[in-house]
Protein backbone atom coordinates (compact mmCIF):
# COMPACT_ATOMS: atom_id res chain seq x y z
CA UNK A 1 85.35 94.07 108.12
CA UNK A 2 88.98 93.90 106.97
CA UNK A 3 87.95 93.80 103.32
CA UNK A 4 85.89 96.94 103.79
CA UNK A 5 88.91 98.59 105.41
CA UNK A 6 91.07 97.33 102.52
CA UNK A 7 88.60 98.92 100.11
CA UNK A 8 88.89 102.29 101.84
CA UNK A 9 92.68 102.04 101.85
CA UNK A 10 92.72 101.20 98.15
CA UNK A 11 90.54 104.22 97.38
CA UNK A 12 93.11 106.32 99.23
CA UNK A 13 95.79 104.63 97.07
CA UNK A 14 97.48 103.24 100.18
CA UNK A 15 98.24 100.02 98.36
CA UNK A 16 100.81 98.48 100.72
CA UNK A 17 98.36 98.79 103.60
CA UNK A 18 95.58 97.44 101.39
CA UNK A 19 97.63 94.34 100.68
CA UNK A 20 98.41 93.92 104.39
CA UNK A 21 94.66 93.77 105.07
CA UNK A 22 94.08 91.38 102.17
CA UNK A 23 96.85 89.09 103.45
CA UNK A 24 95.27 89.11 106.92
CA UNK A 25 91.91 88.15 105.46
CA UNK A 26 93.47 85.30 103.50
CA UNK A 27 95.19 84.00 106.66
CA UNK A 28 92.01 84.18 108.74
CA UNK A 29 89.34 82.66 106.52
CA UNK A 30 88.49 79.47 104.74
CA UNK A 31 85.28 80.87 103.21
CA UNK A 32 85.69 80.58 99.43
CA UNK A 33 83.56 83.66 98.79
CA UNK A 34 85.68 85.80 101.11
CA UNK A 35 88.87 84.39 99.62
CA UNK A 36 87.61 85.23 96.11
CA UNK A 37 86.79 88.82 97.16
CA UNK A 38 90.19 89.23 98.83
CA UNK A 39 91.98 87.96 95.74
CA UNK A 40 89.99 90.34 93.54
CA UNK A 41 91.05 93.22 95.83
CA UNK A 42 94.67 92.11 95.45
CA UNK A 43 94.17 91.97 91.67
CA UNK A 44 92.76 95.50 91.73
CA UNK A 45 95.87 96.77 93.54
CA UNK A 46 98.12 94.97 91.09
CA UNK A 47 96.18 96.51 88.21
CA UNK A 48 96.47 99.99 89.71
CA UNK A 49 100.22 99.48 90.07
CA UNK A 50 100.48 98.51 86.40
CA UNK A 51 101.27 94.87 87.21
CA UNK A 52 98.96 93.55 84.49
CA UNK A 53 100.26 89.97 84.30
CA UNK A 54 100.13 89.56 88.07
CA UNK A 55 96.63 91.05 88.19
CA UNK A 56 95.47 88.69 85.45
CA UNK A 57 96.84 85.67 87.36
CA UNK A 58 95.27 86.86 90.60
CA UNK A 59 91.83 87.38 89.05
CA UNK A 60 92.13 83.92 87.46
CA UNK A 61 93.01 82.48 90.88
CA UNK A 62 89.92 84.16 92.37
CA UNK A 63 87.84 82.14 89.91
CA UNK A 64 89.09 79.00 91.66
CA UNK A 65 86.99 80.10 94.64
CA UNK A 66 84.13 81.75 92.77
CA UNK A 67 84.11 80.40 89.20
CA UNK A 68 81.02 82.29 88.05
CA UNK A 69 81.97 85.72 89.37
CA UNK A 70 80.87 88.38 86.90
CA UNK A 71 83.30 90.82 88.52
CA UNK A 72 86.31 88.57 87.92
CA UNK A 73 85.12 87.76 84.39
CA UNK A 74 84.77 91.45 83.50
CA UNK A 75 88.14 92.37 84.98
CA UNK A 76 89.81 89.48 83.15
CA UNK A 77 88.31 90.58 79.85
CA UNK A 78 89.55 94.14 80.42
CA UNK A 79 93.01 92.96 81.45
CA UNK A 80 93.30 90.54 78.56
CA UNK A 81 92.50 93.31 76.08
CA UNK A 82 94.98 95.69 77.70
CA UNK A 83 97.68 93.03 77.75
CA UNK A 84 97.01 92.16 74.13
CA UNK A 85 97.25 95.83 73.13
CA UNK A 86 100.56 96.10 74.98
CA UNK A 87 101.89 92.88 73.43
CA UNK A 88 102.12 91.24 76.86
CA UNK A 89 100.01 88.09 76.90
CA UNK A 90 102.01 84.90 76.64
CA UNK A 91 100.70 82.18 74.35
CA UNK A 92 99.23 80.19 77.25
CA UNK A 93 96.89 83.01 78.27
CA UNK A 94 93.43 82.49 76.89
CA UNK A 95 90.71 85.10 76.93
CA UNK A 96 88.23 84.66 79.76
CA UNK A 97 84.77 83.40 78.82
CA UNK A 98 82.26 86.03 77.78
CA UNK A 99 79.12 84.12 78.75
CA UNK A 100 76.90 85.56 81.46
CA UNK A 101 76.12 83.28 84.36
CA UNK A 102 74.90 83.57 87.90
CA UNK A 103 77.46 83.46 90.69
CA UNK A 104 77.22 81.57 93.97
CA UNK A 105 78.57 84.27 96.29
CA UNK A 106 76.76 87.45 97.16
CA UNK A 107 78.55 90.74 96.56
């Protein structure tokens, strides 16, 4: 429920409140699928705020909980390209894999 509320808040561009809801979700759950979704929401907010490096790291962290997420993979590919174009990626950043694979969590 909180993630749905966070989604609505993010669509209204109320990003501080969105992150408050995401933080609450992360405190209240141990479900890896929910944690992955919450981290992707945080990454979305960071992206919208222009915090590309932070967003990249957050989407990468979400893959710890849902390694085969096509959403995280697609966002990482987009972010990597944007960071490369802006001259931002440090040498230790590698492009995310481009292979398609099924994910364990339902959307």
